[in-house]
Amino acid sequence: MTRTGVVDDALAYLNDPLSWTRTGGILDLTAEHLLLTAAAVVLAAVVALPVGAWLGHAGRGAGVVVWLTNATRAVPTLGIILLLAAGGLFGDTAVVVAAALFALPVLLVNTYEGVRGASPAARDAARGLGMPGSRVLAQVELPLAAGLVGAGLRTAVVQVAATVPLAALAGGGGLGQVIAFGMGTQRYGQVLAGGVLVAALCLVLDGVVALVLRLSTPAPLRAAARSR
């Protein structure tokens, strides 16, 4: 099939209403994709945010953070999925775990660096007021780290959304099924359409998360970030 034929087939697939509205169509698969992405990011955040905040507050653990980041990035997500499958974990659960491991480093590093880099003057002032360490972390360091933590969350969401298509290789859901089915039936226009859908979803998620972070950031912190 020529390149033009593949593009035409992709456009035909995307313009067919049944491709979107039928059971198991694009709309259903997109909903699955979003649920898998959200589950993986939440799982990674539950681990990375408190650990990164504690290490940054304590001012130690840089070596552990670097080692963990390099170790998790050295192992491909597909390899993790295959290892989990070998251990009897298939489908969406395996993909959520693998994608969470992929998202964990960026959340951990950004939280660690954000808390550790909080203004020493603000930290000292809080301690001078008699705040215990936990309150200094919660009321001073974490708010000042919100920009970096938010940037890590934004990156993690996009990375996970781009990784979730591998779910189709482990019997899971999401838009990866469009690509996998196209490959299996040699309908390369559908493969291209699936890639376009995943890319478009990642761009939309990036914009939505950026907007939410902007709206949720207090105006003084936004002004301080622009002045840096």
N, C-alpha and C. Protein backbone atom coordinates (compact mmCIF):
# COMPACT_ATOMS: atom_id res chain seq x y z
N MET A 1 0.84 -1.20 0.00
CA MET A 1 0.00 0.00 0.00
C MET A 1 0.88 1.25 0.00
N THR A 2 0.53 2.23 -0.81
CA THR A 2 1.31 3.45 -0.90
C THR A 2 1.05 4.33 0.32
N ARG A 3 1.95 5.30 0.48
CA ARG A 3 1.79 6.22 1.62
C ARG A 3 0.48 6.98 1.52
N THR A 4 0.12 7.40 0.30
CA THR A 4 -1.14 8.11 0.12
C THR A 4 -2.33 7.23 0.48
N GLY A 5 -2.24 5.95 0.11
CA GLY A 5 -3.32 5.02 0.45
C GLY A 5 -3.47 4.85 1.95
N VAL A 6 -2.36 4.81 2.69
CA VAL A 6 -2.42 4.69 4.14
C VAL A 6 -3.09 5.91 4.76
N VAL A 7 -2.71 7.08 4.28
CA VAL A 7 -3.30 8.32 4.80
C VAL A 7 -4.79 8.37 4.50
N ASP A 8 -5.16 7.98 3.28
CA ASP A 8 -6.59 7.98 2.91
C ASP A 8 -7.37 7.01 3.79
N ASP A 9 -6.80 5.83 4.04
CA ASP A 9 -7.48 4.86 4.90
C ASP A 9 -7.62 5.38 6.34
N ALA A 10 -6.57 6.08 6.81
CA ALA A 10 -6.63 6.65 8.15
C ALA A 10 -7.73 7.70 8.24
N LEU A 11 -7.83 8.56 7.25
CA LEU A 11 -8.87 9.58 7.23
C LEU A 11 -10.26 8.95 7.15
N ALA A 12 -10.37 7.90 6.35
CA ALA A 12 -11.66 7.21 6.23
C ALA A 12 -12.06 6.59 7.57
N TYR A 13 -11.11 6.01 8.25
CA TYR A 13 -11.40 5.39 9.56
C TYR A 13 -11.83 6.46 10.56
N LEU A 14 -11.12 7.59 10.59
CA LEU A 14 -11.44 8.64 11.56
C LEU A 14 -12.74 9.35 11.23
N ASN A 15 -13.12 9.36 9.97
CA ASN A 15 -14.35 10.05 9.56
C ASN A 15 -15.59 9.16 9.59
N ASP A 16 -15.40 7.89 9.90
CA ASP A 16 -16.52 6.96 9.98
C ASP A 16 -17.17 7.07 11.36
N PRO A 17 -18.42 7.50 11.45
CA PRO A 17 -19.07 7.64 12.76
C PRO A 17 -19.07 6.35 13.57
N LEU A 18 -19.17 5.21 12.90
CA LEU A 18 -19.19 3.94 13.62
C LEU A 18 -17.85 3.68 14.32
N SER A 19 -16.76 4.19 13.77
CA SER A 19 -15.46 4.03 14.43
C SER A 19 -15.46 4.67 15.81
N TRP A 20 -16.29 5.69 15.97
CA TRP A 20 -16.32 6.43 17.23
C TRP A 20 -17.40 5.92 18.19
N THR A 21 -18.57 5.62 17.65
CA THR A 21 -19.72 5.41 18.54
C THR A 21 -20.06 3.96 18.82
N ARG A 22 -19.55 3.03 18.06
CA ARG A 22 -19.89 1.62 18.30
C ARG A 22 -19.31 1.17 19.63
N THR A 23 -19.85 0.08 20.16
CA THR A 23 -19.30 -0.49 21.39
C THR A 23 -17.85 -0.91 21.16
N GLY A 24 -16.97 -0.45 22.02
CA GLY A 24 -15.56 -0.74 21.84
C GLY A 24 -14.91 0.17 20.81
N GLY A 25 -15.60 1.25 20.43
CA GLY A 25 -15.07 2.19 19.45
C GLY A 25 -14.14 3.20 20.09
N ILE A 26 -13.83 4.25 19.34
CA ILE A 26 -12.84 5.22 19.78
C ILE A 26 -13.25 5.90 21.09
N LEU A 27 -14.52 6.24 21.22
CA LEU A 27 -14.96 6.91 22.45
C LEU A 27 -14.79 6.01 23.67
N ASP A 28 -15.18 4.76 23.54
CA ASP A 28 -15.02 3.82 24.66
C ASP A 28 -13.55 3.59 24.98
N LEU A 29 -12.74 3.44 23.94
CA LEU A 29 -11.31 3.20 24.15
C LEU A 29 -10.63 4.43 24.74
N THR A 30 -11.08 5.62 24.35
CA THR A 30 -10.51 6.83 24.94
C THR A 30 -10.82 6.92 26.42
N ALA A 31 -12.06 6.57 26.79
CA ALA A 31 -12.42 6.55 28.22
C ALA A 31 -11.55 5.57 28.99
N GLU A 32 -11.32 4.37 28.42
CA GLU A 32 -10.44 3.40 29.06
C GLU A 32 -9.03 3.95 29.18
N HIS A 33 -8.57 4.60 28.13
CA HIS A 33 -7.22 5.16 28.11
C HIS A 33 -7.05 6.19 29.23
N LEU A 34 -8.04 7.05 29.39
CA LEU A 34 -7.98 8.07 30.43
C LEU A 34 -8.00 7.45 31.83
N LEU A 35 -8.81 6.41 32.02
CA LEU A 35 -8.85 5.75 33.32
C LEU A 35 -7.52 5.08 33.66
N LEU A 36 -6.92 4.43 32.68
CA LEU A 36 -5.62 3.80 32.89
C LEU A 36 -4.55 4.84 33.21
N THR A 37 -4.60 5.96 32.48
CA THR A 37 -3.63 7.03 32.72
C THR A 37 -3.78 7.60 34.13
N ALA A 38 -5.03 7.87 34.51
CA ALA A 38 -5.27 8.43 35.84
C ALA A 38 -4.84 7.46 36.94
N ALA A 39 -5.13 6.18 36.77
CA ALA A 39 -4.76 5.19 37.78
C ALA A 39 -3.25 5.11 37.94
N ALA A 40 -2.52 5.12 36.83
CA ALA A 40 -1.06 5.01 36.88
C ALA A 40 -0.45 6.25 37.53
N VAL A 41 -0.94 7.44 37.17
CA VAL A 41 -0.39 8.68 37.73
C VAL A 41 -0.69 8.77 39.23
N VAL A 42 -1.90 8.40 39.62
CA VAL A 42 -2.25 8.43 41.05
C VAL A 42 -1.38 7.45 41.83
N LEU A 43 -1.19 6.25 41.29
CA LEU A 43 -0.35 5.26 41.97
C LEU A 43 1.08 5.77 42.13
N ALA A 44 1.62 6.38 41.08
CA ALA A 44 2.98 6.93 41.16
C ALA A 44 3.04 8.08 42.15
N ALA A 45 2.01 8.94 42.14
CA ALA A 45 2.02 10.10 43.03
C ALA A 45 1.93 9.70 44.50
N VAL A 46 1.15 8.66 44.78
CA VAL A 46 1.00 8.20 46.17
C VAL A 46 2.35 7.80 46.76
N VAL A 47 3.22 7.27 45.92
CA VAL A 47 4.56 6.88 46.38
C VAL A 47 5.55 8.03 46.29
N ALA A 48 5.58 8.71 45.15
CA ALA A 48 6.64 9.67 44.87
C ALA A 48 6.51 10.96 45.67
N LEU A 49 5.29 11.48 45.82
CA LEU A 49 5.14 12.79 46.46
C LEU A 49 5.56 12.79 47.93
N PRO A 50 5.07 11.86 48.75
CA PRO A 50 5.52 11.89 50.15
C PRO A 50 6.99 11.56 50.32
N VAL A 51 7.50 10.62 49.53
CA VAL A 51 8.92 10.26 49.65
C VAL A 51 9.79 11.43 49.21
N GLY A 52 9.46 12.03 48.07
CA GLY A 52 10.25 13.17 47.59
C GLY A 52 10.18 14.34 48.54
N ALA A 53 9.00 14.61 49.11
CA ALA A 53 8.84 15.72 50.05
C ALA A 53 9.66 15.48 51.32
N TRP A 54 9.62 14.26 51.83
CA TRP A 54 10.36 13.96 53.06
C TRP A 54 11.87 14.06 52.83
N LEU A 55 12.34 13.51 51.71
CA LEU A 55 13.78 13.58 51.42
C LEU A 55 14.23 15.02 51.21
N GLY A 56 13.42 15.79 50.48
CA GLY A 56 13.78 17.19 50.27
C GLY A 56 13.77 17.99 51.56
N HIS A 57 12.81 17.72 52.43
CA HIS A 57 12.74 18.42 53.72
C HIS A 57 13.93 18.05 54.60
N ALA A 58 14.30 16.77 54.59
CA ALA A 58 15.42 16.32 55.41
C ALA A 58 16.76 16.77 54.84
N GLY A 59 16.79 17.15 53.57
CA GLY A 59 18.03 17.62 52.97
C GLY A 59 19.02 16.51 52.70
N ARG A 60 18.52 15.31 52.54
CA ARG A 60 19.43 14.20 52.24
C ARG A 60 18.72 13.23 51.30
N GLY A 61 19.46 12.28 50.80
CA GLY A 61 18.86 11.28 49.92
C GLY A 61 19.04 11.58 48.45
N ALA A 62 19.89 12.57 48.12
CA ALA A 62 20.09 12.89 46.70
C ALA A 62 20.60 11.68 45.93
N GLY A 63 21.51 10.93 46.55
CA GLY A 63 22.05 9.74 45.88
C GLY A 63 20.98 8.70 45.62
N VAL A 64 20.07 8.53 46.58
CA VAL A 64 18.98 7.56 46.41
C VAL A 64 18.06 7.99 45.28
N VAL A 65 17.75 9.29 45.23
CA VAL A 65 16.86 9.80 44.19
C VAL A 65 17.47 9.59 42.81
N VAL A 66 18.75 9.93 42.68
CA VAL A 66 19.42 9.77 41.38
C VAL A 66 19.48 8.30 40.99
N TRP A 67 19.81 7.43 41.95
CA TRP A 67 19.90 6.00 41.63
C TRP A 67 18.55 5.44 41.21
N LEU A 68 17.52 5.79 41.96
CA LEU A 68 16.19 5.27 41.64
C LEU A 68 15.73 5.78 40.28
N THR A 69 16.00 7.04 39.99
CA THR A 69 15.61 7.61 38.71
C THR A 69 16.30 6.90 37.56
N ASN A 70 17.60 6.72 37.69
CA ASN A 70 18.35 6.06 36.61
C ASN A 70 17.95 4.60 36.47
N ALA A 71 17.68 3.93 37.59
CA ALA A 71 17.33 2.51 37.55
C ALA A 71 15.99 2.30 36.85
N THR A 72 15.01 3.13 37.18
CA THR A 72 13.68 2.95 36.58
C THR A 72 13.68 3.34 35.11
N ARG A 73 14.47 4.33 34.74
CA ARG A 73 14.51 4.75 33.34
C ARG A 73 15.32 3.79 32.48
N ALA A 74 16.19 3.01 33.11
CA ALA A 74 17.01 2.06 32.35
C ALA A 74 16.21 0.86 31.88
N VAL A 75 15.11 0.58 32.56
CA VAL A 75 14.29 -0.59 32.21
C VAL A 75 13.13 -0.12 31.33
N PRO A 76 13.01 -0.60 30.10
CA PRO A 76 11.90 -0.17 29.24
C PRO A 76 10.56 -0.62 29.80
N THR A 77 9.54 0.22 29.55
CA THR A 77 8.21 -0.08 30.06
C THR A 77 7.69 -1.41 29.52
N LEU A 78 7.96 -1.66 28.24
CA LEU A 78 7.52 -2.93 27.65
C LEU A 78 8.17 -4.10 28.37
N GLY A 79 9.43 -3.96 28.74
CA GLY A 79 10.10 -5.03 29.48
C GLY A 79 9.45 -5.28 30.82
N ILE A 80 9.03 -4.20 31.50
CA ILE A 80 8.35 -4.36 32.78
C ILE A 80 7.02 -5.09 32.59
N ILE A 81 6.28 -4.72 31.53
CA ILE A 81 5.01 -5.38 31.25
C ILE A 81 5.22 -6.87 31.01
N LEU A 82 6.25 -7.22 30.24
CA LEU A 82 6.52 -8.63 29.97
C LEU A 82 6.93 -9.38 31.23
N LEU A 83 7.70 -8.72 32.10
CA LEU A 83 8.07 -9.36 33.36
C LEU A 83 6.84 -9.60 34.24
N LEU A 84 5.96 -8.62 34.28
CA LEU A 84 4.73 -8.79 35.06
C LEU A 84 3.86 -9.89 34.48
N ALA A 85 3.81 -9.95 33.14
CA ALA A 85 3.04 -11.02 32.49
C ALA A 85 3.62 -12.38 32.83
N ALA A 86 4.96 -12.46 32.87
CA ALA A 86 5.61 -13.72 33.23
C ALA A 86 5.27 -14.13 34.66
N GLY A 87 5.00 -13.12 35.50
CA GLY A 87 4.62 -13.39 36.89
C GLY A 87 3.13 -13.60 37.07
N GLY A 88 2.39 -13.60 35.97
CA GLY A 88 0.96 -13.87 36.04
C GLY A 88 0.09 -12.65 36.11
N LEU A 89 0.67 -11.45 35.90
CA LEU A 89 -0.11 -10.23 35.96
C LEU A 89 -0.31 -9.69 34.54
N PHE A 90 -1.55 -9.74 34.06
CA PHE A 90 -1.84 -9.36 32.68
C PHE A 90 -2.79 -8.16 32.65
N GLY A 91 -3.06 -7.70 31.44
CA GLY A 91 -4.10 -6.73 31.19
C GLY A 91 -3.83 -5.36 31.77
N ASP A 92 -4.92 -4.69 32.14
CA ASP A 92 -4.83 -3.31 32.58
C ASP A 92 -3.98 -3.15 33.84
N THR A 93 -4.07 -4.10 34.75
CA THR A 93 -3.31 -4.00 36.00
C THR A 93 -1.82 -3.96 35.73
N ALA A 94 -1.34 -4.82 34.85
CA ALA A 94 0.08 -4.84 34.52
C ALA A 94 0.51 -3.51 33.91
N VAL A 95 -0.31 -2.96 33.05
CA VAL A 95 0.04 -1.69 32.39
C VAL A 95 0.03 -0.54 33.38
N VAL A 96 -0.94 -0.51 34.29
CA VAL A 96 -0.98 0.54 35.30
C VAL A 96 0.27 0.51 36.16
N VAL A 97 0.68 -0.67 36.59
CA VAL A 97 1.88 -0.80 37.42
C VAL A 97 3.12 -0.36 36.64
N ALA A 98 3.25 -0.82 35.39
CA ALA A 98 4.41 -0.47 34.59
C ALA A 98 4.46 1.02 34.30
N ALA A 99 3.32 1.60 33.95
CA ALA A 99 3.28 3.04 33.65
C ALA A 99 3.54 3.86 34.91
N ALA A 100 3.08 3.38 36.07
CA ALA A 100 3.35 4.09 37.32
C ALA A 100 4.84 4.10 37.62
N LEU A 101 5.50 2.98 37.39
CA LEU A 101 6.96 2.93 37.58
C LEU A 101 7.66 3.89 36.63
N PHE A 102 7.11 4.07 35.45
CA PHE A 102 7.67 4.98 34.47
C PHE A 102 7.46 6.44 34.89
N ALA A 103 6.32 6.73 35.53
CA ALA A 103 6.01 8.10 35.95
C ALA A 103 6.68 8.48 37.27
N LEU A 104 7.00 7.49 38.08
CA LEU A 104 7.51 7.76 39.43
C LEU A 104 8.76 8.63 39.46
N PRO A 105 9.78 8.40 38.60
CA PRO A 105 11.01 9.19 38.72
C PRO A 105 10.81 10.69 38.56
N VAL A 106 10.03 11.10 37.56
CA VAL A 106 9.88 12.54 37.34
C VAL A 106 9.12 13.20 38.48
N LEU A 107 8.13 12.51 39.04
CA LEU A 107 7.41 13.05 40.19
C LEU A 107 8.31 13.12 41.43
N LEU A 108 9.11 12.08 41.62
CA LEU A 108 9.99 12.03 42.77
C LEU A 108 11.05 13.13 42.70
N VAL A 109 11.70 13.25 41.54
CA VAL A 109 12.77 14.24 41.39
C VAL A 109 12.22 15.66 41.53
N ASN A 110 11.11 15.96 40.88
CA ASN A 110 10.58 17.32 40.95
C ASN A 110 10.12 17.69 42.35
N THR A 111 9.50 16.74 43.05
CA THR A 111 9.09 17.02 44.42
C THR A 111 10.30 17.23 45.32
N TYR A 112 11.28 16.37 45.16
CA TYR A 112 12.51 16.48 45.96
C TYR A 112 13.20 17.81 45.72
N GLU A 113 13.40 18.15 44.45
CA GLU A 113 14.11 19.40 44.13
C GLU A 113 13.29 20.61 44.54
N GLY A 114 11.97 20.54 44.39
CA GLY A 114 11.14 21.66 44.77
C GLY A 114 11.18 21.95 46.25
N VAL A 115 11.07 20.91 47.06
CA VAL A 115 11.11 21.09 48.52
C VAL A 115 12.50 21.49 48.97
N ARG A 116 13.51 20.83 48.44
CA ARG A 116 14.88 21.15 48.85
C ARG A 116 15.26 22.57 48.46
N GLY A 117 14.72 23.06 47.35
CA GLY A 117 15.06 24.39 46.87
C GLY A 117 14.19 25.50 47.41
N ALA A 118 13.33 25.19 48.38
CA ALA A 118 12.47 26.22 48.96
C ALA A 118 13.34 27.30 49.60
N SER A 119 12.83 28.52 49.62
CA SER A 119 13.58 29.67 50.14
C SER A 119 14.07 29.43 51.57
N PRO A 120 15.38 29.46 51.79
CA PRO A 120 15.90 29.28 53.16
C PRO A 120 15.36 30.34 54.11
N ALA A 121 15.17 31.57 53.61
CA ALA A 121 14.66 32.64 54.48
C ALA A 121 13.25 32.31 54.97
N ALA A 122 12.40 31.81 54.05
CA ALA A 122 11.04 31.45 54.46
C ALA A 122 11.06 30.28 55.42
N ARG A 123 11.94 29.34 55.18
CA ARG A 123 12.05 28.18 56.07
C ARG A 123 12.50 28.61 57.46
N ASP A 124 13.52 29.47 57.50
CA ASP A 124 14.04 29.93 58.79
C ASP A 124 13.01 30.76 59.54
N ALA A 125 12.25 31.57 58.81
CA ALA A 125 11.21 32.39 59.45
C ALA A 125 10.14 31.51 60.08
N ALA A 126 9.76 30.43 59.38
CA ALA A 126 8.76 29.53 59.92
C ALA A 126 9.27 28.84 61.18
N ARG A 127 10.51 28.42 61.14
CA ARG A 127 11.08 27.78 62.33
C ARG A 127 11.22 28.77 63.48
N GLY A 128 11.50 30.04 63.14
CA GLY A 128 11.59 31.07 64.16
C GLY A 128 10.27 31.33 64.84
N LEU A 129 9.18 31.05 64.14
CA LEU A 129 7.84 31.20 64.74
C LEU A 129 7.45 29.98 65.56
N GLY A 130 8.34 29.01 65.65
CA GLY A 130 8.08 27.82 66.46
C GLY A 130 7.37 26.70 65.75
N MET A 131 7.30 26.76 64.41
CA MET A 131 6.64 25.69 63.67
C MET A 131 7.46 24.41 63.74
N PRO A 132 6.82 23.27 64.01
CA PRO A 132 7.54 22.00 63.92
C PRO A 132 7.86 21.67 62.46
N GLY A 133 8.74 20.70 62.29
CA GLY A 133 9.17 20.34 60.94
C GLY A 133 8.04 19.97 60.00
N SER A 134 7.03 19.25 60.53
CA SER A 134 5.92 18.83 59.68
C SER A 134 5.14 20.03 59.16
N ARG A 135 4.96 21.04 59.99
CA ARG A 135 4.22 22.24 59.56
C ARG A 135 5.06 23.07 58.60
N VAL A 136 6.35 23.12 58.82
CA VAL A 136 7.23 23.82 57.88
C VAL A 136 7.12 23.20 56.50
N LEU A 137 7.11 21.86 56.46
CA LEU A 137 6.99 21.16 55.19
C LEU A 137 5.65 21.42 54.54
N ALA A 138 4.57 21.29 55.32
CA ALA A 138 3.22 21.39 54.76
C ALA A 138 2.83 22.81 54.40
N GLN A 139 3.24 23.80 55.22
CA GLN A 139 2.74 25.16 55.04
C GLN A 139 3.73 26.10 54.37
N VAL A 140 4.99 25.70 54.27
CA VAL A 140 5.99 26.59 53.67
C VAL A 140 6.66 25.93 52.47
N GLU A 141 7.28 24.79 52.71
CA GLU A 141 8.10 24.19 51.65
C GLU A 141 7.26 23.65 50.49
N LEU A 142 6.20 22.92 50.79
CA LEU A 142 5.38 22.37 49.71
C LEU A 142 4.69 23.44 48.87
N PRO A 143 4.11 24.50 49.48
CA PRO A 143 3.55 25.55 48.64
C PRO A 143 4.59 26.20 47.73
N LEU A 144 5.81 26.40 48.25
CA LEU A 144 6.85 26.99 47.42
C LEU A 144 7.32 26.02 46.33
N ALA A 145 7.14 24.73 46.58
CA ALA A 145 7.56 23.71 45.60
C ALA A 145 6.46 23.40 44.60
N ALA A 146 5.29 24.05 44.73
CA ALA A 146 4.13 23.69 43.91
C ALA A 146 4.42 23.79 42.42
N GLY A 147 5.21 24.77 42.01
CA GLY A 147 5.51 24.93 40.58
C GLY A 147 6.23 23.74 40.00
N LEU A 148 7.29 23.30 40.70
CA LEU A 148 8.05 22.15 40.22
C LEU A 148 7.25 20.87 40.32
N VAL A 149 6.50 20.70 41.39
CA VAL A 149 5.67 19.51 41.54
C VAL A 149 4.62 19.46 40.42
N GLY A 150 4.02 20.61 40.13
CA GLY A 150 3.03 20.67 39.05
C GLY A 150 3.65 20.35 37.70
N ALA A 151 4.86 20.85 37.46
CA ALA A 151 5.54 20.53 36.20
C ALA A 151 5.82 19.04 36.08
N GLY A 152 6.21 18.42 37.20
CA GLY A 152 6.43 16.98 37.18
C GLY A 152 5.15 16.22 36.93
N LEU A 153 4.06 16.68 37.52
CA LEU A 153 2.76 16.02 37.30
C LEU A 153 2.34 16.14 35.84
N ARG A 154 2.54 17.30 35.27
CA ARG A 154 2.18 17.51 33.86
C ARG A 154 2.97 16.59 32.95
N THR A 155 4.28 16.50 33.21
CA THR A 155 5.12 15.61 32.41
C THR A 155 4.71 14.16 32.58
N ALA A 156 4.44 13.78 33.83
CA ALA A 156 4.06 12.39 34.10
C ALA A 156 2.77 12.00 33.40
N VAL A 157 1.79 12.89 33.40
CA VAL A 157 0.50 12.60 32.75
C VAL A 157 0.71 12.34 31.27
N VAL A 158 1.48 13.19 30.61
CA VAL A 158 1.71 13.03 29.17
C VAL A 158 2.51 11.77 28.89
N GLN A 159 3.54 11.51 29.69
CA GLN A 159 4.36 10.31 29.49
C GLN A 159 3.51 9.05 29.65
N VAL A 160 2.69 9.02 30.66
CA VAL A 160 1.86 7.83 30.90
C VAL A 160 0.84 7.65 29.78
N ALA A 161 0.20 8.75 29.37
CA ALA A 161 -0.78 8.66 28.29
C ALA A 161 -0.14 8.13 27.01
N ALA A 162 1.12 8.47 26.78
CA ALA A 162 1.82 7.98 25.59
C ALA A 162 2.29 6.55 25.76
N THR A 163 2.38 6.07 27.01
CA THR A 163 2.85 4.72 27.28
C THR A 163 1.71 3.71 27.34
N VAL A 164 0.53 4.15 27.74
CA VAL A 164 -0.62 3.26 27.92
C VAL A 164 -0.97 2.44 26.67
N PRO A 165 -0.72 2.93 25.43
CA PRO A 165 -1.02 2.08 24.27
C PRO A 165 -0.36 0.70 24.31
N LEU A 166 0.71 0.57 25.10
CA LEU A 166 1.33 -0.76 25.24
C LEU A 166 0.40 -1.74 25.94
N ALA A 167 -0.67 -1.23 26.54
CA ALA A 167 -1.63 -2.11 27.21
C ALA A 167 -2.19 -3.16 26.26
N ALA A 168 -2.31 -2.78 24.99
CA ALA A 168 -2.87 -3.72 24.01
C ALA A 168 -2.01 -4.97 23.87
N LEU A 169 -0.71 -4.84 24.13
CA LEU A 169 0.19 -5.99 24.03
C LEU A 169 0.02 -6.95 25.20
N ALA A 170 -0.61 -6.48 26.27
CA ALA A 170 -0.81 -7.33 27.45
C ALA A 170 -2.28 -7.64 27.68
N GLY A 171 -3.08 -7.45 26.64
CA GLY A 171 -4.50 -7.75 26.76
C GLY A 171 -5.30 -6.67 27.44
N GLY A 172 -4.75 -5.47 27.52
CA GLY A 172 -5.45 -4.38 28.18
C GLY A 172 -6.22 -3.52 27.20
N GLY A 173 -6.84 -2.46 27.73
CA GLY A 173 -7.66 -1.59 26.91
C GLY A 173 -6.93 -0.33 26.49
N GLY A 174 -7.72 0.66 26.08
CA GLY A 174 -7.14 1.92 25.65
C GLY A 174 -6.99 2.00 24.14
N LEU A 175 -6.52 3.15 23.69
CA LEU A 175 -6.39 3.40 22.26
C LEU A 175 -5.34 2.54 21.59
N GLY A 176 -4.50 1.90 22.36
CA GLY A 176 -3.54 0.97 21.77
C GLY A 176 -4.20 -0.16 21.03
N GLN A 177 -5.45 -0.46 21.37
CA GLN A 177 -6.17 -1.53 20.67
C GLN A 177 -6.40 -1.17 19.21
N VAL A 178 -6.58 0.11 18.93
CA VAL A 178 -6.74 0.53 17.53
C VAL A 178 -5.49 0.21 16.74
N ILE A 179 -4.34 0.50 17.33
CA ILE A 179 -3.06 0.24 16.66
C ILE A 179 -2.81 -1.25 16.55
N ALA A 180 -3.06 -1.98 17.64
CA ALA A 180 -2.79 -3.42 17.64
C ALA A 180 -3.68 -4.15 16.63
N PHE A 181 -4.94 -3.77 16.57
CA PHE A 181 -5.85 -4.42 15.61
C PHE A 181 -5.43 -4.09 14.18
N GLY A 182 -5.03 -2.86 13.95
CA GLY A 182 -4.57 -2.50 12.61
C GLY A 182 -3.33 -3.26 12.20
N MET A 183 -2.40 -3.44 13.13
CA MET A 183 -1.20 -4.22 12.82
C MET A 183 -1.55 -5.68 12.56
N GLY A 184 -2.45 -6.22 13.38
CA GLY A 184 -2.80 -7.63 13.24
C GLY A 184 -3.53 -7.93 11.95
N THR A 185 -4.27 -6.97 11.43
CA THR A 185 -5.04 -7.18 10.20
C THR A 185 -4.39 -6.51 8.99
N GLN A 186 -3.21 -5.94 9.20
CA GLN A 186 -2.47 -5.24 8.15
C GLN A 186 -3.26 -4.06 7.57
N ARG A 187 -4.06 -3.44 8.42
CA ARG A 187 -4.76 -2.21 8.04
C ARG A 187 -3.93 -1.03 8.56
N TYR A 188 -2.95 -0.65 7.78
CA TYR A 188 -1.97 0.32 8.27
C TYR A 188 -2.55 1.73 8.35
N GLY A 189 -3.64 1.97 7.63
CA GLY A 189 -4.33 3.24 7.81
C GLY A 189 -4.89 3.35 9.22
N GLN A 190 -5.39 2.23 9.76
CA GLN A 190 -5.91 2.23 11.12
C GLN A 190 -4.78 2.39 12.13
N VAL A 191 -3.63 1.82 11.81
CA VAL A 191 -2.45 2.01 12.68
C VAL A 191 -2.10 3.49 12.75
N LEU A 192 -2.06 4.14 11.60
CA LEU A 192 -1.77 5.58 11.57
C LEU A 192 -2.83 6.37 12.32
N ALA A 193 -4.10 6.00 12.14
CA ALA A 193 -5.17 6.68 12.84
C ALA A 193 -5.02 6.53 14.35
N GLY A 194 -4.65 5.33 14.81
CA GLY A 194 -4.43 5.12 16.23
C GLY A 194 -3.31 5.98 16.77
N GLY A 195 -2.23 6.10 16.00
CA GLY A 195 -1.12 6.96 16.42
C GLY A 195 -1.54 8.42 16.51
N VAL A 196 -2.34 8.86 15.56
CA VAL A 196 -2.83 10.25 15.57
C VAL A 196 -3.73 10.48 16.79
N LEU A 197 -4.57 9.50 17.10
CA LEU A 197 -5.47 9.64 18.25
C LEU A 197 -4.68 9.74 19.56
N VAL A 198 -3.66 8.91 19.70
CA VAL A 198 -2.85 8.94 20.92
C VAL A 198 -2.12 10.27 21.04
N ALA A 199 -1.53 10.72 19.93
CA ALA A 199 -0.81 12.00 19.95
C ALA A 199 -1.75 13.15 20.29
N ALA A 200 -2.95 13.14 19.69
CA ALA A 200 -3.91 14.21 19.96
C ALA A 200 -4.36 14.19 21.42
N LEU A 201 -4.57 12.99 21.96
CA LEU A 201 -4.98 12.88 23.36
C LEU A 201 -3.89 13.43 24.29
N CYS A 202 -2.64 13.12 23.99
CA CYS A 202 -1.52 13.62 24.80
C CYS A 202 -1.46 15.15 24.77
N LEU A 203 -1.67 15.74 23.60
CA LEU A 203 -1.66 17.19 23.48
C LEU A 203 -2.81 17.82 24.27
N VAL A 204 -3.98 17.21 24.19
CA VAL A 204 -5.13 17.72 24.93
C VAL A 204 -4.89 17.62 26.43
N LEU A 205 -4.38 16.48 26.89
CA LEU A 205 -4.11 16.31 28.31
C LEU A 205 -3.07 17.31 28.79
N ASP A 206 -2.05 17.54 27.99
CA ASP A 206 -1.01 18.51 28.36
C ASP A 206 -1.63 19.89 28.55
N GLY A 207 -2.48 20.28 27.61
CA GLY A 207 -3.13 21.58 27.73
C GLY A 207 -4.06 21.68 28.91
N VAL A 208 -4.83 20.63 29.15
CA VAL A 208 -5.78 20.63 30.26
C VAL A 208 -5.05 20.70 31.60
N VAL A 209 -4.02 19.88 31.77
CA VAL A 209 -3.27 19.89 33.03
C VAL A 209 -2.59 21.24 33.23
N ALA A 210 -2.02 21.80 32.16
CA ALA A 210 -1.38 23.12 32.27
C ALA A 210 -2.39 24.18 32.70
N LEU A 211 -3.60 24.13 32.14
CA LEU A 211 -4.63 25.11 32.51
C LEU A 211 -5.06 24.93 33.96
N VAL A 212 -5.26 23.67 34.38
CA VAL A 212 -5.67 23.41 35.76
C VAL A 212 -4.60 23.89 36.74
N LEU A 213 -3.34 23.63 36.43
CA LEU A 213 -2.25 24.06 37.31
C LEU A 213 -2.18 25.58 37.38
N ARG A 214 -2.39 26.22 36.26
CA ARG A 214 -2.35 27.69 36.24
C ARG A 214 -3.49 28.27 37.09
N LEU A 215 -4.68 27.73 36.93
CA LEU A 215 -5.83 28.25 37.67
C LEU A 215 -5.74 27.96 39.17
N SER A 216 -5.05 26.86 39.52
CA SER A 216 -4.95 26.47 40.93
C SER A 216 -3.76 27.09 41.64
N THR A 217 -2.88 27.77 40.89
CA THR A 217 -1.71 28.40 41.50
C THR A 217 -2.06 29.82 41.94
N PRO A 218 -1.82 30.17 43.20
CA PRO A 218 -2.11 31.53 43.66
C PRO A 218 -1.37 32.57 42.83
N ALA A 219 -1.99 33.72 42.65
CA ALA A 219 -1.40 34.77 41.82
C ALA A 219 -0.01 35.19 42.27
N PRO A 220 0.28 35.31 43.59
CA PRO A 220 1.64 35.69 43.99
C PRO A 220 2.70 34.68 43.55
N LEU A 221 2.34 33.38 43.60
CA LEU A 221 3.30 32.37 43.16
C LEU A 221 3.50 32.42 41.65
N ARG A 222 2.43 32.71 40.89
CA ARG A 222 2.57 32.84 39.44
C ARG A 222 3.47 34.03 39.11
N ALA A 223 3.29 35.13 39.83
CA ALA A 223 4.11 36.31 39.58
C ALA A 223 5.57 36.06 39.93
N ALA A 224 5.78 35.31 41.03
CA ALA A 224 7.16 34.99 41.41
C ALA A 224 7.82 34.10 40.39
N ALA A 225 7.07 33.14 39.81
CA ALA A 225 7.64 32.25 38.81
C ALA A 225 8.00 33.01 37.55
N ARG A 226 7.17 33.99 37.15
CA ARG A 226 7.45 34.77 35.94
C ARG A 226 8.67 35.66 36.12
N SER A 227 8.93 36.11 37.36
CA SER A 227 10.04 37.02 37.60
C SER A 227 11.39 36.33 37.71
N ARG A 228 11.38 34.99 37.74
CA ARG A 228 12.66 34.27 37.87
C ARG A 228 13.42 34.29 36.56
